[in-house]
Amino acid sequence: MEHARDCCRTCAARCRHKKRAVHALEAELRIRGARILIADTSGDAGFTATRKFYAAKGYDEEARIRDFWGTGDDKVTYWKSLITD
């Protein structure tokens, strides 16, 4: 589990085009008929920028599972509707 988190953190740090990547993913999911997109991340201080990124892209914090990744490290789930008006 720790390795997976480290890999995600490394990939996110290296991705210079996160906004475009998320926009492309959302567009593709809409084409495929998806209604919502769920994104999970860590509540750890090292993921503050990630949580701010999702909030800025219109995602709402939907759930928080305390100590999911480890003691003091919550799993934070973000939700976004893909249905356009």
N, C-alpha and C. Protein backbone atom coordinates (compact mmCIF):
# COMPACT_ATOMS: atom_id res chain seq x y z
N MET A 1 0.84 -1.19 0.00
CA MET A 1 0.00 0.00 0.00
C MET A 1 0.87 1.25 0.00
N GLU A 2 1.93 1.24 0.79
CA GLU A 2 2.82 2.40 0.87
C GLU A 2 3.46 2.67 -0.49
N HIS A 3 3.86 1.61 -1.20
CA HIS A 3 4.48 1.76 -2.51
C HIS A 3 3.52 2.41 -3.50
N ALA A 4 2.26 2.00 -3.48
CA ALA A 4 1.26 2.57 -4.39
C ALA A 4 1.08 4.06 -4.13
N ARG A 5 1.05 4.44 -2.87
CA ARG A 5 0.90 5.87 -2.54
C ARG A 5 2.11 6.66 -3.02
N ASP A 6 3.30 6.11 -2.83
CA ASP A 6 4.51 6.79 -3.27
C ASP A 6 4.54 6.95 -4.78
N CYS A 7 4.10 5.93 -5.49
CA CYS A 7 4.06 6.01 -6.95
C CYS A 7 3.07 7.09 -7.40
N CYS A 8 1.92 7.14 -6.78
CA CYS A 8 0.92 8.15 -7.14
C CYS A 8 1.45 9.55 -6.86
N ARG A 9 2.10 9.72 -5.73
CA ARG A 9 2.66 11.02 -5.36
C ARG A 9 3.73 11.43 -6.37
N THR A 10 4.58 10.50 -6.77
CA THR A 10 5.64 10.79 -7.73
C THR A 10 5.05 11.15 -9.09
N CYS A 11 4.07 10.39 -9.54
CA CYS A 11 3.45 10.68 -10.84
C CYS A 11 2.77 12.03 -10.83
N ALA A 12 2.07 12.35 -9.76
CA ALA A 12 1.38 13.64 -9.68
C ALA A 12 2.37 14.79 -9.69
N ALA A 13 3.49 14.61 -9.00
CA ALA A 13 4.49 15.66 -8.95
C ALA A 13 5.13 15.88 -10.31
N ARG A 14 5.24 14.83 -11.11
CA ARG A 14 5.89 14.93 -12.42
C ARG A 14 4.95 15.39 -13.52
N CYS A 15 3.68 15.29 -13.30
CA CYS A 15 2.70 15.61 -14.35
C CYS A 15 2.55 17.12 -14.47
N ARG A 16 3.03 17.65 -15.58
CA ARG A 16 2.96 19.10 -15.81
C ARG A 16 1.65 19.52 -16.43
N HIS A 17 0.89 18.59 -16.88
CA HIS A 17 -0.32 18.91 -17.62
C HIS A 17 -1.54 18.29 -16.93
N LYS A 18 -1.57 18.37 -15.62
CA LYS A 18 -2.66 17.73 -14.87
C LYS A 18 -4.02 18.25 -15.28
N LYS A 19 -4.14 19.56 -15.43
CA LYS A 19 -5.45 20.14 -15.77
C LYS A 19 -5.96 19.60 -17.09
N ARG A 20 -5.07 19.55 -18.08
CA ARG A 20 -5.48 19.03 -19.39
C ARG A 20 -5.79 17.55 -19.32
N ALA A 21 -5.03 16.81 -18.54
CA ALA A 21 -5.26 15.37 -18.42
C ALA A 21 -6.61 15.09 -17.76
N VAL A 22 -6.93 15.83 -16.70
CA VAL A 22 -8.22 15.64 -16.03
C VAL A 22 -9.36 16.05 -16.96
N HIS A 23 -9.20 17.15 -17.66
CA HIS A 23 -10.23 17.59 -18.60
C HIS A 23 -10.46 16.53 -19.68
N ALA A 24 -9.39 15.98 -20.22
CA ALA A 24 -9.51 14.94 -21.25
C ALA A 24 -10.19 13.69 -20.69
N LEU A 25 -9.84 13.31 -19.47
CA LEU A 25 -10.46 12.15 -18.84
C LEU A 25 -11.96 12.40 -18.65
N GLU A 26 -12.32 13.56 -18.13
CA GLU A 26 -13.74 13.89 -17.94
C GLU A 26 -14.49 13.86 -19.26
N ALA A 27 -13.90 14.42 -20.32
CA ALA A 27 -14.54 14.43 -21.63
C ALA A 27 -14.75 13.01 -22.15
N GLU A 28 -13.75 12.17 -22.02
CA GLU A 28 -13.86 10.79 -22.49
C GLU A 28 -14.93 10.03 -21.70
N LEU A 29 -14.97 10.25 -20.41
CA LEU A 29 -15.98 9.57 -19.58
C LEU A 29 -17.39 10.03 -19.95
N ARG A 30 -17.55 11.32 -20.26
CA ARG A 30 -18.86 11.81 -20.71
C ARG A 30 -19.28 11.12 -22.01
N ILE A 31 -18.34 10.99 -22.94
CA ILE A 31 -18.63 10.31 -24.21
C ILE A 31 -19.11 8.89 -23.96
N ARG A 32 -18.51 8.25 -22.96
CA ARG A 32 -18.86 6.86 -22.64
C ARG A 32 -20.10 6.75 -21.77
N GLY A 33 -20.71 7.89 -21.43
CA GLY A 33 -21.96 7.87 -20.68
C GLY A 33 -21.82 7.87 -19.17
N ALA A 34 -20.64 8.15 -18.66
CA ALA A 34 -20.46 8.18 -17.20
C ALA A 34 -21.18 9.40 -16.62
N ARG A 35 -21.74 9.23 -15.46
CA ARG A 35 -22.47 10.31 -14.79
C ARG A 35 -21.62 11.06 -13.79
N ILE A 36 -20.68 10.35 -13.14
CA ILE A 36 -19.87 10.95 -12.09
C ILE A 36 -18.43 10.46 -12.20
N LEU A 37 -17.54 11.21 -11.56
CA LEU A 37 -16.15 10.79 -11.45
C LEU A 37 -15.77 10.86 -9.98
N ILE A 38 -15.16 9.80 -9.49
CA ILE A 38 -14.73 9.70 -8.10
C ILE A 38 -13.21 9.67 -8.10
N ALA A 39 -12.60 10.48 -7.24
CA ALA A 39 -11.14 10.50 -7.09
C ALA A 39 -10.80 10.34 -5.62
N ASP A 40 -9.93 9.39 -5.33
CA ASP A 40 -9.48 9.16 -3.96
C ASP A 40 -8.06 9.69 -3.80
N THR A 41 -7.79 10.27 -2.66
CA THR A 41 -6.45 10.74 -2.35
C THR A 41 -6.22 10.64 -0.84
N SER A 42 -5.09 11.09 -0.42
CA SER A 42 -4.71 11.00 0.99
C SER A 42 -5.02 12.31 1.72
N GLY A 43 -5.31 12.18 3.00
CA GLY A 43 -5.50 13.35 3.85
C GLY A 43 -4.19 13.85 4.44
N ASP A 44 -3.09 13.20 4.10
CA ASP A 44 -1.77 13.57 4.60
C ASP A 44 -1.39 14.97 4.11
N ALA A 45 -0.62 15.69 4.91
CA ALA A 45 -0.21 17.05 4.55
C ALA A 45 0.54 17.08 3.21
N GLY A 46 1.22 16.01 2.87
CA GLY A 46 1.93 15.95 1.60
C GLY A 46 1.02 15.96 0.39
N PHE A 47 -0.28 15.76 0.59
CA PHE A 47 -1.24 15.75 -0.50
C PHE A 47 -2.14 16.99 -0.50
N THR A 48 -1.76 18.02 0.25
CA THR A 48 -2.55 19.24 0.30
C THR A 48 -2.75 19.83 -1.10
N ALA A 49 -1.70 19.89 -1.89
CA ALA A 49 -1.81 20.44 -3.25
C ALA A 49 -2.76 19.61 -4.10
N THR A 50 -2.75 18.31 -3.93
CA THR A 50 -3.65 17.43 -4.67
C THR A 50 -5.10 17.72 -4.31
N ARG A 51 -5.37 17.86 -3.02
CA ARG A 51 -6.74 18.16 -2.58
C ARG A 51 -7.19 19.52 -3.09
N LYS A 52 -6.30 20.51 -3.08
CA LYS A 52 -6.63 21.84 -3.60
C LYS A 52 -6.89 21.79 -5.10
N PHE A 53 -6.13 20.96 -5.80
CA PHE A 53 -6.31 20.79 -7.24
C PHE A 53 -7.71 20.28 -7.55
N TYR A 54 -8.13 19.21 -6.86
CA TYR A 54 -9.46 18.66 -7.11
C TYR A 54 -10.55 19.68 -6.77
N ALA A 55 -10.40 20.38 -5.67
CA ALA A 55 -11.39 21.40 -5.30
C ALA A 55 -11.47 22.49 -6.36
N ALA A 56 -10.33 22.91 -6.88
CA ALA A 56 -10.31 23.96 -7.90
C ALA A 56 -10.93 23.49 -9.21
N LYS A 57 -10.90 22.19 -9.48
CA LYS A 57 -11.49 21.63 -10.70
C LYS A 57 -12.97 21.30 -10.53
N GLY A 58 -13.57 21.69 -9.40
CA GLY A 58 -15.00 21.51 -9.21
C GLY A 58 -15.40 20.22 -8.52
N TYR A 59 -14.45 19.54 -7.93
CA TYR A 59 -14.76 18.31 -7.19
C TYR A 59 -15.12 18.67 -5.75
N ASP A 60 -16.10 17.96 -5.21
CA ASP A 60 -16.51 18.14 -3.82
C ASP A 60 -15.97 17.00 -2.98
N GLU A 61 -15.53 17.33 -1.77
CA GLU A 61 -15.13 16.27 -0.85
C GLU A 61 -16.40 15.55 -0.42
N GLU A 62 -16.50 14.30 -0.80
CA GLU A 62 -17.70 13.50 -0.56
C GLU A 62 -17.59 12.64 0.68
N ALA A 63 -16.40 12.14 0.95
CA ALA A 63 -16.23 11.24 2.10
C ALA A 63 -14.80 11.31 2.60
N ARG A 64 -14.66 10.94 3.85
CA ARG A 64 -13.34 10.86 4.48
C ARG A 64 -13.37 9.64 5.40
N ILE A 65 -12.45 8.72 5.16
CA ILE A 65 -12.34 7.53 6.01
C ILE A 65 -11.08 7.70 6.86
N ARG A 66 -11.30 7.87 8.14
CA ARG A 66 -10.18 8.12 9.06
C ARG A 66 -9.23 6.93 9.10
N ASP A 67 -7.93 7.27 9.12
CA ASP A 67 -6.86 6.28 9.30
C ASP A 67 -6.84 5.18 8.23
N PHE A 68 -7.39 5.45 7.06
CA PHE A 68 -7.47 4.43 6.01
C PHE A 68 -6.08 3.99 5.54
N TRP A 69 -5.22 4.94 5.22
CA TRP A 69 -3.89 4.62 4.70
C TRP A 69 -2.91 4.29 5.82
N GLY A 70 -3.23 4.76 7.01
CA GLY A 70 -2.39 4.53 8.18
C GLY A 70 -2.86 5.46 9.30
N THR A 71 -2.32 5.31 10.46
CA THR A 71 -2.72 6.14 11.58
C THR A 71 -2.51 7.61 11.24
N GLY A 72 -3.58 8.38 11.31
CA GLY A 72 -3.52 9.81 11.02
C GLY A 72 -3.54 10.16 9.55
N ASP A 73 -3.71 9.18 8.68
CA ASP A 73 -3.70 9.42 7.24
C ASP A 73 -5.03 8.94 6.64
N ASP A 74 -5.95 9.88 6.49
CA ASP A 74 -7.28 9.57 6.01
C ASP A 74 -7.31 9.34 4.50
N LYS A 75 -8.31 8.59 4.07
CA LYS A 75 -8.63 8.50 2.64
C LYS A 75 -9.69 9.57 2.38
N VAL A 76 -9.43 10.44 1.42
CA VAL A 76 -10.36 11.52 1.09
C VAL A 76 -10.90 11.24 -0.31
N THR A 77 -12.21 11.18 -0.43
CA THR A 77 -12.87 10.88 -1.69
C THR A 77 -13.54 12.14 -2.23
N TYR A 78 -13.20 12.47 -3.47
CA TYR A 78 -13.80 13.62 -4.14
C TYR A 78 -14.79 13.12 -5.19
N TRP A 79 -15.83 13.91 -5.43
CA TRP A 79 -16.93 13.57 -6.33
C TRP A 79 -17.18 14.73 -7.27
N LYS A 80 -17.47 14.41 -8.54
CA LYS A 80 -17.84 15.44 -9.50
C LYS A 80 -18.87 14.88 -10.47
N SER A 81 -19.93 15.64 -10.70
CA SER A 81 -20.92 15.26 -11.70
C SER A 81 -20.36 15.52 -13.09
N LEU A 82 -20.57 14.58 -13.98
CA LEU A 82 -20.14 14.74 -15.37
C LEU A 82 -21.30 15.09 -16.28
N ILE A 83 -22.48 15.24 -15.71
CA ILE A 83 -23.66 15.59 -16.49
C ILE A 83 -23.64 17.09 -16.74
N THR A 84 -23.67 17.45 -18.00
CA THR A 84 -23.68 18.87 -18.35
C THR A 84 -25.11 19.33 -18.59
N ASP A 85 -25.37 20.55 -18.22
CA ASP A 85 -26.73 21.11 -18.38
C ASP A 85 -27.00 21.54 -19.79
